Amino acid sequence: MIICQTPLRISFFGGGTDFPEFFEHHGGAVLAAAIDKFIYHSVTRFPSALFDYSIRLAYRKVECVKNVSDIEHGPFREILRSLEIERDVEINLAADLPAFSGLGSSSSFTVGLIHALMAFRGQFISKSELAYRAINIERNILKDAVGCQDPVMAAFGGLNIVRFSREDDIMVTRIPLRPERSQELDESLLLFFTGIRRRAGDLERNKLNRLSEIEKNLTTMLKLVDRAHDLLTGNEPLSEFGRLLHLTWMEKRCLDPGVSNPQIDRMYETGMRAGALGGKLLGAGGGGFMAFFVPPERQAAVRAQLREYFEVPFHIGAPGSSIIHS
């Protein structure tokens, strides 16, 4: 049995500039962190000659099929096909948090499954190759409307700036934080579930169709990446990080009318009135998780005002996709 653990992520700055449709003309960058919430794949060999199926998959449903082409789940099907695994395999999926919630779970699934199956075949794969393979499957085979940051963060983990020039030219730079600075950032972040799950594809396609209209917003969001990096690695009060999150959320809300809605706006305003210094909805928008930057002394008040929303405790800087059992 092979067990692979792959992290989810929080994208703080630069989301939207990680689409080739934007960064091949203007450059792109994100500042993001892997978190200690994971997707797990277990892969086991079984003798299909003794069964009436060749492949067994267990996720929200169970598929037992004779041929790869019979698999309903698109990512499972195409990843198995790309790695030429056609029989004698059982794969089980588990996750700490729900899908379609803005934490990059789709890409974590893709990265984790590729990693687990490569290990199943007895082959090593580097973090870079893992990310590039996942990007190719998501964008070019499955034709999903997704950016490039999520596979990179799932593969590499950590707290990084990721810069994009081309789809096959991505640079990952770990942000060097002093231990006390890292702890302060970690302890100042709160994560709440809006209660809304959504698929990001349609929203992202709408943004891509409006690139000429939202180019100025994306350029402003791109500039905030370097500003946030300088802040984290400098000596300014970390409270400024909250203000920058607020600025990027204001720009993000302008990318498409579907990014926010009255319920999300009320949730954000409630958190800000209670003491948050800034925050943003994660992922494409429209639902999922919302992150707030809140100094520790204000967190009790924020939690009290947002008590109707489910809070998820977490830490940033989790390791990238790893084989944890073989």
C-alpha atoms as a PDB file:
ATOM      1  CA  MET A   1       0.000   0.000   0.000  1.00  0.00           C
ATOM      2  CA  ILE A   2       1.132   3.505  -0.900  1.00  0.00           C
ATOM      3  CA  ILE A   3      -0.321   6.465   1.060  1.00  0.00           C
ATOM      4  CA  CYS A   4       0.251   9.982  -0.237  1.00  0.00           C
ATOM      5  CA  GLN A   5      -0.532  13.150   1.757  1.00  0.00           C
ATOM      6  CA  THR A   6      -1.020  16.395  -0.186  1.00  0.00           C
ATOM      7  CA  PRO A   7      -1.752  19.794   1.397  1.00  0.00           C
ATOM      8  CA  LEU A   8      -4.479  22.303   0.687  1.00  0.00           C
ATOM      9  CA  ARG A   9      -3.482  25.945   0.364  1.00  0.00           C
ATOM     10  CA  ILE A  10      -4.412  29.527   1.181  1.00  0.00           C
ATOM     11  CA  SER A  11      -3.672  32.074  -1.539  1.00  0.00           C
ATOM     12  CA  PHE A  12      -3.077  35.488  -0.002  1.00  0.00           C
ATOM     13  CA  PHE A  13      -2.089  37.700  -2.944  1.00  0.00           C
ATOM     14  CA  GLY A  14      -1.932  37.543  -6.731  1.00  0.00           C
ATOM     15  CA  GLY A  15      -4.738  35.072  -7.433  1.00  0.00           C
ATOM     16  CA  GLY A  16      -5.932  35.490 -11.012  1.00  0.00           C
ATOM     17  CA  THR A  17      -2.508  36.513 -12.315  1.00  0.00           C
ATOM     18  CA  ASP A  18      -1.570  32.792 -12.427  1.00  0.00           C
ATOM     19  CA  PHE A  19      -3.558  32.190 -15.623  1.00  0.00           C
ATOM     20  CA  PRO A  20      -1.418  31.949 -18.788  1.00  0.00           C
ATOM     21  CA  GLU A  21      -3.971  34.147 -20.529  1.00  0.00           C
ATOM     22  CA  PHE A  22      -2.734  36.932 -18.218  1.00  0.00           C
ATOM     23  CA  PHE A  23       0.835  36.148 -17.197  1.00  0.00           C
ATOM     24  CA  GLU A  24       2.156  35.409 -20.701  1.00  0.00           C
ATOM     25  CA  HIS A  25       1.503  39.076 -21.485  1.00  0.00           C
ATOM     26  CA  HIS A  26       1.973  40.806 -18.135  1.00  0.00           C
ATOM     27  CA  GLY A  27       3.830  38.379 -15.873  1.00  0.00           C
ATOM     28  CA  GLY A  28       2.193  36.823 -12.855  1.00  0.00           C
ATOM     29  CA  ALA A  29       2.921  35.990  -9.232  1.00  0.00           C
ATOM     30  CA  VAL A  30       1.163  34.746  -6.134  1.00  0.00           C
ATOM     31  CA  LEU A  31       2.007  34.707  -2.451  1.00  0.00           C
ATOM     32  CA  ALA A  32       0.465  31.604  -0.914  1.00  0.00           C
ATOM     33  CA  ALA A  33       0.868  29.064   1.876  1.00  0.00           C
ATOM     34  CA  ALA A  34       0.190  25.357   2.151  1.00  0.00           C
ATOM     35  CA  ILE A  35      -1.809  24.545   5.294  1.00  0.00           C
ATOM     36  CA  ASP A  36      -1.926  21.519   7.565  1.00  0.00           C
ATOM     37  CA  LYS A  37      -5.154  20.198   6.043  1.00  0.00           C
ATOM     38  CA  PHE A  38      -4.652  17.412   3.553  1.00  0.00           C
ATOM     39  CA  ILE A  39      -5.979  15.103   0.880  1.00  0.00           C
ATOM     40  CA  TYR A  40      -4.934  11.456   1.171  1.00  0.00           C
ATOM     41  CA  HIS A  41      -4.666   8.837  -1.566  1.00  0.00           C
ATOM     42  CA  SER A  42      -4.046   5.196  -0.775  1.00  0.00           C
ATOM     43  CA  VAL A  43      -3.102   2.927  -3.645  1.00  0.00           C
ATOM     44  CA  THR A  44      -3.126  -0.868  -3.354  1.00  0.00           C
ATOM     45  CA  ARG A  45      -2.411  -3.639  -5.815  1.00  0.00           C
ATOM     46  CA  PHE A  46      -5.035  -6.386  -6.109  1.00  0.00           C
ATOM     47  CA  PRO A  47      -5.368  -9.500  -8.324  1.00  0.00           C
ATOM     48  CA  SER A  48      -8.057  -8.522 -10.799  1.00  0.00           C
ATOM     49  CA  ALA A  49      -8.063 -12.051 -12.231  1.00  0.00           C
ATOM     50  CA  LEU A  50     -10.047 -13.045  -9.143  1.00  0.00           C
ATOM     51  CA  PHE A  51     -12.659 -10.278  -9.572  1.00  0.00           C
ATOM     52  CA  ASP A  52     -15.095  -9.153 -12.228  1.00  0.00           C
ATOM     53  CA  TYR A  53     -13.421  -5.733 -12.444  1.00  0.00           C
ATOM     54  CA  SER A  54      -9.857  -4.489 -12.965  1.00  0.00           C
ATOM     55  CA  ILE A  55      -9.879  -1.112 -11.209  1.00  0.00           C
ATOM     56  CA  ARG A  56     -11.633  -0.047  -8.002  1.00  0.00           C
ATOM     57  CA  LEU A  57     -11.951   3.628  -7.011  1.00  0.00           C
ATOM     58  CA  ALA A  58     -13.498   4.884  -3.775  1.00  0.00           C
ATOM     59  CA  TYR A  59     -14.303   8.569  -3.278  1.00  0.00           C
ATOM     60  CA  ARG A  60     -17.794   9.982  -2.699  1.00  0.00           C
ATOM     61  CA  LYS A  61     -18.946   6.985  -4.681  1.00  0.00           C
ATOM     62  CA  VAL A  62     -17.345   3.650  -5.571  1.00  0.00           C
ATOM     63  CA  GLU A  63     -16.456   2.712  -9.145  1.00  0.00           C
ATOM     64  CA  CYS A  64     -15.494  -0.839 -10.092  1.00  0.00           C
ATOM     65  CA  VAL A  65     -14.615  -0.979 -13.799  1.00  0.00           C
ATOM     66  CA  LYS A  66     -12.910  -3.293 -16.256  1.00  0.00           C
ATOM     67  CA  ASN A  67     -11.343  -0.564 -18.403  1.00  0.00           C
ATOM     68  CA  VAL A  68      -9.895   2.880 -17.717  1.00  0.00           C
ATOM     69  CA  SER A  69     -12.209   4.359 -20.351  1.00  0.00           C
ATOM     70  CA  ASP A  70     -15.212   3.231 -18.272  1.00  0.00           C
ATOM     71  CA  ILE A  71     -14.268   5.468 -15.302  1.00  0.00           C
ATOM     72  CA  GLU A  72     -16.783   8.278 -14.764  1.00  0.00           C
ATOM     73  CA  HIS A  73     -14.501  10.479 -12.634  1.00  0.00           C
ATOM     74  CA  GLY A  74     -12.569  12.563 -15.155  1.00  0.00           C
ATOM     75  CA  PRO A  75      -9.352  13.258 -13.200  1.00  0.00           C
ATOM     76  CA  PHE A  76      -9.088   9.621 -12.045  1.00  0.00           C
ATOM     77  CA  ARG A  77      -9.579   8.430 -15.618  1.00  0.00           C
ATOM     78  CA  GLU A  78      -7.128  10.783 -17.301  1.00  0.00           C
ATOM     79  CA  ILE A  79      -4.375  10.436 -14.680  1.00  0.00           C
ATOM     80  CA  LEU A  80      -4.513   6.637 -14.844  1.00  0.00           C
ATOM     81  CA  ARG A  81      -4.506   6.834 -18.638  1.00  0.00           C
ATOM     82  CA  SER A  82      -1.546   9.243 -18.731  1.00  0.00           C
ATOM     83  CA  LEU A  83       0.489   6.908 -16.506  1.00  0.00           C
ATOM     84  CA  GLU A  84      -0.586   3.822 -18.493  1.00  0.00           C
ATOM     85  CA  ILE A  85      -2.027   2.051 -15.455  1.00  0.00           C
ATOM     86  CA  GLU A  86      -4.842  -0.103 -16.795  1.00  0.00           C
ATOM     87  CA  ARG A  87      -5.597  -2.770 -14.192  1.00  0.00           C
ATOM     88  CA  ASP A  88      -4.809  -4.391 -10.824  1.00  0.00           C
ATOM     89  CA  VAL A  89      -5.121  -1.217  -8.787  1.00  0.00           C
ATOM     90  CA  GLU A  90      -7.403   0.029  -6.008  1.00  0.00           C
ATOM     91  CA  ILE A  91      -7.400   3.726  -5.014  1.00  0.00           C
ATOM     92  CA  ASN A  92      -9.104   5.273  -1.991  1.00  0.00           C
ATOM     93  CA  LEU A  93      -9.536   8.997  -1.369  1.00  0.00           C
ATOM     94  CA  ALA A  94      -9.950  10.834   1.950  1.00  0.00           C
ATOM     95  CA  ALA A  95      -9.859  14.553   2.749  1.00  0.00           C
ATOM     96  CA  ASP A  96      -9.705  16.770   5.839  1.00  0.00           C
ATOM     97  CA  LEU A  97     -11.973  19.458   4.314  1.00  0.00           C
ATOM     98  CA  PRO A  98     -14.658  19.528   1.606  1.00  0.00           C
ATOM     99  CA  ALA A  99     -13.986  20.111  -2.066  1.00  0.00           C
ATOM    100  CA  PHE A 100     -15.117  23.205  -3.993  1.00  0.00           C
ATOM    101  CA  SER A 101     -14.311  25.503  -1.083  1.00  0.00           C
ATOM    102  CA  GLY A 102     -11.483  27.718  -2.360  1.00  0.00           C
ATOM    103  CA  LEU A 103      -8.533  25.809  -0.879  1.00  0.00           C
ATOM    104  CA  GLY A 104      -7.186  24.303  -4.092  1.00  0.00           C
ATOM    105  CA  SER A 105      -8.523  20.820  -3.414  1.00  0.00           C
ATOM    106  CA  SER A 106      -8.949  19.901  -7.091  1.00  0.00           C
ATOM    107  CA  SER A 107      -5.264  20.481  -7.776  1.00  0.00           C
ATOM    108  CA  SER A 108      -4.268  18.776  -4.531  1.00  0.00           C
ATOM    109  CA  PHE A 109      -6.245  15.764  -5.745  1.00  0.00           C
ATOM    110  CA  THR A 110      -4.441  15.778  -9.098  1.00  0.00           C
ATOM    111  CA  VAL A 111      -0.980  16.265  -7.607  1.00  0.00           C
ATOM    112  CA  GLY A 112      -1.542  13.657  -4.900  1.00  0.00           C
ATOM    113  CA  LEU A 113      -2.864  11.020  -7.277  1.00  0.00           C
ATOM    114  CA  ILE A 114       0.014  11.474  -9.733  1.00  0.00           C
ATOM    115  CA  HIS A 115       2.503  11.278  -6.852  1.00  0.00           C
ATOM    116  CA  ALA A 116       0.884   8.173  -5.351  1.00  0.00           C
ATOM    117  CA  LEU A 117       0.700   6.352  -8.684  1.00  0.00           C
ATOM    118  CA  MET A 118       4.308   7.180  -9.551  1.00  0.00           C
ATOM    119  CA  ALA A 119       5.325   5.671  -6.208  1.00  0.00           C
ATOM    120  CA  PHE A 120       3.057   2.704  -6.940  1.00  0.00           C
ATOM    121  CA  ARG A 121       5.096   2.165 -10.121  1.00  0.00           C
ATOM    122  CA  GLY A 122       8.310   2.482  -8.115  1.00  0.00           C
ATOM    123  CA  GLN A 123       9.338   5.749  -9.753  1.00  0.00           C
ATOM    124  CA  PHE A 124      10.567   9.020  -8.262  1.00  0.00           C
ATOM    125  CA  ILE A 125       9.109  12.333  -9.410  1.00  0.00           C
ATOM    126  CA  SER A 126      10.491  15.768  -8.527  1.00  0.00           C
ATOM    127  CA  LYS A 127       8.312  18.532  -7.133  1.00  0.00           C
ATOM    128  CA  SER A 128       8.687  20.562 -10.332  1.00  0.00           C
ATOM    129  CA  GLU A 129       7.749  17.671 -12.614  1.00  0.00           C
ATOM    130  CA  LEU A 130       4.827  16.845 -10.347  1.00  0.00           C
ATOM    131  CA  ALA A 131       3.506  20.408 -10.649  1.00  0.00           C
ATOM    132  CA  TYR A 132       4.013  20.595 -14.423  1.00  0.00           C
ATOM    133  CA  ARG A 133       2.308  17.238 -15.003  1.00  0.00           C
ATOM    134  CA  ALA A 134      -0.680  18.306 -12.916  1.00  0.00           C
ATOM    135  CA  ILE A 135      -0.958  21.638 -14.769  1.00  0.00           C
ATOM    136  CA  ASN A 136      -0.898  19.821 -18.114  1.00  0.00           C
ATOM    137  CA  ILE A 137      -3.621  17.390 -17.060  1.00  0.00           C
ATOM    138  CA  GLU A 138      -5.883  20.076 -15.585  1.00  0.00           C
ATOM    139  CA  ARG A 139      -5.518  22.677 -18.328  1.00  0.00           C
ATOM    140  CA  ASN A 140      -4.729  20.732 -21.502  1.00  0.00           C
ATOM    141  CA  ILE A 141      -6.372  17.328 -21.007  1.00  0.00           C
ATOM    142  CA  LEU A 142      -9.335  18.027 -18.732  1.00  0.00           C
ATOM    143  CA  LYS A 143      -9.698  21.568 -20.171  1.00  0.00           C
ATOM    144  CA  ASP A 144     -10.490  23.023 -16.757  1.00  0.00           C
ATOM    145  CA  ALA A 145     -10.563  26.808 -16.346  1.00  0.00           C
ATOM    146  CA  VAL A 146      -7.859  26.874 -13.679  1.00  0.00           C
ATOM    147  CA  GLY A 147      -4.710  28.812 -12.959  1.00  0.00           C
ATOM    148  CA  CYS A 148      -1.264  27.373 -12.325  1.00  0.00           C
ATOM    149  CA  GLN A 149      -0.662  28.228  -8.674  1.00  0.00           C
ATOM    150  CA  ASP A 150      -2.586  25.401  -7.002  1.00  0.00           C
ATOM    151  CA  PRO A 151      -0.608  22.431  -8.407  1.00  0.00           C
ATOM    152  CA  VAL A 152       2.623  24.249  -7.550  1.00  0.00           C
ATOM    153  CA  MET A 153       1.618  24.872  -3.945  1.00  0.00           C
ATOM    154  CA  ALA A 154       0.338  21.304  -3.561  1.00  0.00           C
ATOM    155  CA  ALA A 155       3.626  19.919  -4.841  1.00  0.00           C
ATOM    156  CA  PHE A 156       6.023  22.263  -3.030  1.00  0.00           C
ATOM    157  CA  GLY A 157       4.204  23.167   0.198  1.00  0.00           C
ATOM    158  CA  GLY A 158       5.568  25.942   2.419  1.00  0.00           C
ATOM    159  CA  LEU A 159       5.030  29.714   2.277  1.00  0.00           C
ATOM    160  CA  ASN A 160       6.133  30.927  -1.144  1.00  0.00           C
ATOM    161  CA  ILE A 161       6.139  33.494  -3.856  1.00  0.00           C
ATOM    162  CA  VAL A 162       5.459  31.701  -7.122  1.00  0.00           C
ATOM    163  CA  ARG A 163       6.288  33.614 -10.315  1.00  0.00           C
ATOM    164  CA  PHE A 164       4.872  32.713 -13.720  1.00  0.00           C
ATOM    165  CA  SER A 165       6.385  33.494 -17.122  1.00  0.00           C
ATOM    166  CA  ARG A 166       5.131  30.583 -19.216  1.00  0.00           C
ATOM    167  CA  GLU A 167       3.117  27.492 -18.416  1.00  0.00           C
ATOM    168  CA  ASP A 168       6.393  25.553 -18.395  1.00  0.00           C
ATOM    169  CA  ASP A 169       8.488  28.255 -16.714  1.00  0.00           C
ATOM    170  CA  ILE A 170       7.462  28.697 -13.081  1.00  0.00           C
ATOM    171  CA  MET A 171       9.778  29.808 -10.281  1.00  0.00           C
ATOM    172  CA  VAL A 172       9.080  28.980  -6.631  1.00  0.00           C
ATOM    173  CA  THR A 173      10.818  31.024  -3.914  1.00  0.00           C
ATOM    174  CA  ARG A 174      10.383  30.126  -0.255  1.00  0.00           C
ATOM    175  CA  ILE A 175       9.781  33.245   1.886  1.00  0.00           C
ATOM    176  CA  PRO A 176      12.424  33.378   4.650  1.00  0.00           C
ATOM    177  CA  LEU A 177      10.617  34.407   7.823  1.00  0.00           C
ATOM    178  CA  ARG A 178      12.189  34.821  11.225  1.00  0.00           C
ATOM    179  CA  PRO A 179      10.668  32.269  13.636  1.00  0.00           C
ATOM    180  CA  GLU A 180       8.900  34.919  15.720  1.00  0.00           C
ATOM    181  CA  ARG A 181       7.563  36.595  12.564  1.00  0.00           C
ATOM    182  CA  SER A 182       6.301  33.282  11.237  1.00  0.00           C
ATOM    183  CA  GLN A 183       4.590  32.513  14.541  1.00  0.00           C
ATOM    184  CA  GLU A 184       2.934  35.939  14.654  1.00  0.00           C
ATOM    185  CA  LEU A 185       1.561  35.503  11.126  1.00  0.00           C
ATOM    186  CA  ASP A 186       0.349  31.998  11.884  1.00  0.00           C
ATOM    187  CA  GLU A 187      -1.386  33.079  15.079  1.00  0.00           C
ATOM    188  CA  SER A 188      -3.080  36.061  13.415  1.00  0.00           C
ATOM    189  CA  LEU A 189      -4.998  34.109  10.769  1.00  0.00           C
ATOM    190  CA  LEU A 190      -8.537  32.785  11.210  1.00  0.00           C
ATOM    191  CA  LEU A 191     -10.438  30.649   8.709  1.00  0.00           C
ATOM    192  CA  PHE A 192     -14.237  30.424   8.509  1.00  0.00           C
ATOM    193  CA  PHE A 193     -16.491  28.475   6.137  1.00  0.00           C
ATOM    194  CA  THR A 194     -19.149  30.572   4.419  1.00  0.00           C
ATOM    195  CA  GLY A 195     -21.404  27.535   4.165  1.00  0.00           C
ATOM    196  CA  ILE A 196     -21.457  27.896   0.366  1.00  0.00           C
ATOM    197  CA  ARG A 197     -19.807  25.272  -1.834  1.00  0.00           C
ATOM    198  CA  ARG A 198     -19.388  26.055  -5.511  1.00  0.00           C
ATOM    199  CA  ARG A 199     -17.518  24.989  -8.634  1.00  0.00           C
ATOM    200  CA  ALA A 200     -15.029  27.620  -9.718  1.00  0.00           C
ATOM    201  CA  GLY A 201     -14.934  26.846 -13.436  1.00  0.00           C
ATOM    202  CA  ASP A 202     -17.777  29.053 -14.660  1.00  0.00           C
ATOM    203  CA  LEU A 203     -16.635  31.981 -12.528  1.00  0.00           C
ATOM    204  CA  GLU A 204     -13.062  31.705 -13.799  1.00  0.00           C
ATOM    205  CA  ARG A 205     -14.268  31.509 -17.414  1.00  0.00           C
ATOM    206  CA  ASN A 206     -16.249  34.692 -16.885  1.00  0.00           C
ATOM    207  CA  LYS A 207     -13.097  36.431 -15.643  1.00  0.00           C
ATOM    208  CA  LEU A 208     -11.068  35.190 -18.604  1.00  0.00           C
ATOM    209  CA  ASN A 209     -13.737  36.514 -20.972  1.00  0.00           C
ATOM    210  CA  ARG A 210     -13.391  39.931 -19.282  1.00  0.00           C
ATOM    211  CA  LEU A 211      -9.589  40.095 -19.168  1.00  0.00           C
ATOM    212  CA  SER A 212      -9.393  43.381 -21.032  1.00  0.00           C
ATOM    213  CA  GLU A 213     -11.849  44.947 -18.558  1.00  0.00           C
ATOM    214  CA  ILE A 214     -10.168  43.631 -15.390  1.00  0.00           C
ATOM    215  CA  GLU A 215      -6.536  43.970 -16.464  1.00  0.00           C
ATOM    216  CA  LYS A 216      -6.053  47.031 -14.230  1.00  0.00           C
ATOM    217  CA  ASN A 217      -7.435  45.179 -11.184  1.00  0.00           C
ATOM    218  CA  LEU A 218      -5.179  42.184 -11.796  1.00  0.00           C
ATOM    219  CA  THR A 219      -2.162  44.445 -12.246  1.00  0.00           C
ATOM    220  CA  THR A 220      -2.896  46.095  -8.895  1.00  0.00           C
ATOM    221  CA  MET A 221      -3.256  42.667  -7.268  1.00  0.00           C
ATOM    222  CA  LEU A 222       0.065  41.620  -8.804  1.00  0.00           C
ATOM    223  CA  LYS A 223       1.854  44.623  -7.273  1.00  0.00           C
ATOM    224  CA  LEU A 224       0.541  43.660  -3.834  1.00  0.00           C
ATOM    225  CA  VAL A 225       2.502  40.377  -4.014  1.00  0.00           C
ATOM    226  CA  ASP A 226       5.869  42.134  -3.795  1.00  0.00           C
ATOM    227  CA  ARG A 227       4.536  44.619  -1.270  1.00  0.00           C
ATOM    228  CA  ALA A 228       3.416  41.764   0.982  1.00  0.00           C
ATOM    229  CA  HIS A 229       6.754  39.967   0.545  1.00  0.00           C
ATOM    230  CA  ASP A 230       8.674  43.090   1.585  1.00  0.00           C
ATOM    231  CA  LEU A 231       6.414  43.458   4.585  1.00  0.00           C
ATOM    232  CA  LEU A 232       6.822  39.857   5.734  1.00  0.00           C
ATOM    233  CA  THR A 233      10.599  39.899   5.416  1.00  0.00           C
ATOM    234  CA  GLY A 234      11.046  43.419   6.809  1.00  0.00           C
ATOM    235  CA  ASN A 235      10.487  45.114  10.156  1.00  0.00           C
ATOM    236  CA  GLU A 236       7.139  46.865   9.674  1.00  0.00           C
ATOM    237  CA  PRO A 237       4.317  45.904  12.028  1.00  0.00           C
ATOM    238  CA  LEU A 238       2.671  42.771  10.719  1.00  0.00           C
ATOM    239  CA  SER A 239      -0.716  44.429  11.112  1.00  0.00           C
ATOM    240  CA  GLU A 240      -0.066  45.944   7.674  1.00  0.00           C
ATOM    241  CA  PHE A 241      -0.564  42.437   6.262  1.00  0.00           C
ATOM    242  CA  GLY A 242      -4.224  42.706   7.226  1.00  0.00           C
ATOM    243  CA  ARG A 243      -4.615  46.022   5.441  1.00  0.00           C
ATOM    244  CA  LEU A 244      -3.057  44.549   2.281  1.00  0.00           C
ATOM    245  CA  LEU A 245      -5.483  41.619   2.442  1.00  0.00           C
ATOM    246  CA  HIS A 246      -8.332  44.103   2.574  1.00  0.00           C
ATOM    247  CA  LEU A 247      -6.968  45.932  -0.481  1.00  0.00           C
ATOM    248  CA  THR A 248      -6.636  42.747  -2.520  1.00  0.00           C
ATOM    249  CA  TRP A 249     -10.180  41.679  -1.535  1.00  0.00           C
ATOM    250  CA  MET A 250     -11.540  45.008  -2.749  1.00  0.00           C
ATOM    251  CA  GLU A 251      -9.809  44.473  -6.095  1.00  0.00           C
ATOM    252  CA  LYS A 252     -10.889  40.844  -6.303  1.00  0.00           C
ATOM    253  CA  ARG A 253     -14.543  41.775  -5.816  1.00  0.00           C
ATOM    254  CA  CYS A 254     -14.287  43.792  -9.041  1.00  0.00           C
ATOM    255  CA  LEU A 255     -13.152  40.858 -11.184  1.00  0.00           C
ATOM    256  CA  ASP A 256     -16.666  39.484 -11.627  1.00  0.00           C
ATOM    257  CA  PRO A 257     -20.099  40.098 -10.058  1.00  0.00           C
ATOM    258  CA  GLY A 258     -20.167  36.458  -8.950  1.00  0.00           C
ATOM    259  CA  VAL A 259     -17.070  36.770  -6.753  1.00  0.00           C
ATOM    260  CA  SER A 260     -19.147  38.030  -3.830  1.00  0.00           C
ATOM    261  CA  ASN A 261     -22.790  38.254  -2.831  1.00  0.00           C
ATOM    262  CA  PRO A 262     -24.789  39.922  -0.038  1.00  0.00           C
ATOM    263  CA  GLN A 263     -24.250  37.000   2.368  1.00  0.00           C
ATOM    264  CA  ILE A 264     -20.477  37.028   1.840  1.00  0.00           C
ATOM    265  CA  ASP A 265     -20.356  40.832   2.120  1.00  0.00           C
ATOM    266  CA  ARG A 266     -22.243  40.702   5.431  1.00  0.00           C
ATOM    267  CA  MET A 267     -19.880  38.041   6.760  1.00  0.00           C
ATOM    268  CA  TYR A 268     -16.838  40.092   5.798  1.00  0.00           C
ATOM    269  CA  GLU A 269     -18.224  43.325   7.241  1.00  0.00           C
ATOM    270  CA  THR A 270     -19.141  41.537  10.477  1.00  0.00           C
ATOM    271  CA  GLY A 271     -15.593  40.252  10.869  1.00  0.00           C
ATOM    272  CA  MET A 272     -14.109  43.668  10.152  1.00  0.00           C
ATOM    273  CA  ARG A 273     -16.392  45.461  12.621  1.00  0.00           C
ATOM    274  CA  ALA A 274     -15.506  42.913  15.294  1.00  0.00           C
ATOM    275  CA  GLY A 275     -11.773  43.594  15.007  1.00  0.00           C
ATOM    276  CA  ALA A 276     -10.280  41.954  11.905  1.00  0.00           C
ATOM    277  CA  LEU A 277      -7.750  44.139  10.108  1.00  0.00           C
ATOM    278  CA  GLY A 278      -8.443  42.561   6.732  1.00  0.00           C
ATOM    279  CA  GLY A 279      -9.370  39.380   4.995  1.00  0.00           C
ATOM    280  CA  LYS A 280     -10.479  37.822   1.748  1.00  0.00           C
ATOM    281  CA  LEU A 281     -12.558  35.063   0.269  1.00  0.00           C
ATOM    282  CA  LEU A 282     -10.317  32.240  -0.917  1.00  0.00           C
ATOM    283  CA  GLY A 283     -10.275  30.683  -4.353  1.00  0.00           C
ATOM    284  CA  ALA A 284     -12.281  31.928  -7.314  1.00  0.00           C
ATOM    285  CA  GLY A 285     -15.023  33.444  -5.154  1.00  0.00           C
ATOM    286  CA  GLY A 286     -18.727  32.872  -4.749  1.00  0.00           C
ATOM    287  CA  GLY A 287     -18.377  30.794  -1.573  1.00  0.00           C
ATOM    288  CA  GLY A 288     -15.971  28.498   0.210  1.00  0.00           C
ATOM    289  CA  PHE A 289     -13.661  29.684   2.988  1.00  0.00           C
ATOM    290  CA  MET A 290     -12.902  33.209   4.128  1.00  0.00           C
ATOM    291  CA  ALA A 291      -9.621  34.078   5.834  1.00  0.00           C
ATOM    292  CA  PHE A 292      -9.198  37.000   8.242  1.00  0.00           C
ATOM    293  CA  PHE A 293      -6.108  38.628   9.689  1.00  0.00           C
ATOM    294  CA  VAL A 294      -6.932  39.291  13.353  1.00  0.00           C
ATOM    295  CA  PRO A 295      -4.477  40.218  16.126  1.00  0.00           C
ATOM    296  CA  PRO A 296      -4.722  37.602  18.895  1.00  0.00           C
ATOM    297  CA  GLU A 297      -6.199  40.067  21.409  1.00  0.00           C
ATOM    298  CA  ARG A 298      -9.163  40.702  19.072  1.00  0.00           C
ATOM    299  CA  GLN A 299      -9.891  37.122  18.098  1.00  0.00           C
ATOM    300  CA  ALA A 300     -12.382  36.334  20.847  1.00  0.00           C
ATOM    301  CA  ALA A 301     -14.590  39.213  19.673  1.00  0.00           C
ATOM    302  CA  VAL A 302     -14.348  38.131  16.026  1.00  0.00           C
ATOM    303  CA  ARG A 303     -15.183  34.531  16.876  1.00  0.00           C
ATOM    304  CA  ALA A 304     -18.174  35.671  18.919  1.00  0.00           C
ATOM    305  CA  GLN A 305     -19.584  37.704  16.041  1.00  0.00           C
ATOM    306  CA  LEU A 306     -18.944  34.949  13.492  1.00  0.00           C
ATOM    307  CA  ARG A 307     -20.129  32.094  15.709  1.00  0.00           C
ATOM    308  CA  GLU A 308     -22.715  30.969  13.136  1.00  0.00           C
ATOM    309  CA  TYR A 309     -19.873  30.064  10.762  1.00  0.00           C
ATOM    310  CA  PHE A 310     -17.724  26.968  11.155  1.00  0.00           C
ATOM    311  CA  GLU A 311     -14.132  27.847  12.058  1.00  0.00           C
ATOM    312  CA  VAL A 312     -11.256  25.609  10.983  1.00  0.00           C
ATOM    313  CA  PRO A 313      -8.086  25.848  13.101  1.00  0.00           C
ATOM    314  CA  PHE A 314      -4.979  25.550  10.920  1.00  0.00           C
ATOM    315  CA  HIS A 315      -1.290  26.336  10.569  1.00  0.00           C
ATOM    316  CA  ILE A 316       0.578  27.566   7.506  1.00  0.00           C
ATOM    317  CA  GLY A 317       3.761  26.197   5.987  1.00  0.00           C
ATOM    318  CA  ALA A 318       2.777  22.527   5.643  1.00  0.00           C
ATOM    319  CA  PRO A 319       5.073  20.294   3.574  1.00  0.00           C
ATOM    320  CA  GLY A 320       4.288  19.559  -0.049  1.00  0.00           C
ATOM    321  CA  SER A 321       2.911  16.301  -1.380  1.00  0.00           C
ATOM    322  CA  SER A 322       4.621  13.421   0.440  1.00  0.00           C
ATOM    323  CA  ILE A 323       4.583   9.643   0.445  1.00  0.00           C
ATOM    324  CA  ILE A 324       3.896   8.934   4.096  1.00  0.00           C
ATOM    325  CA  HIS A 325       3.570   5.149   3.878  1.00  0.00           C
ATOM    326  CA  SER A 326       5.005   2.608   1.486  1.00  0.00           C
END
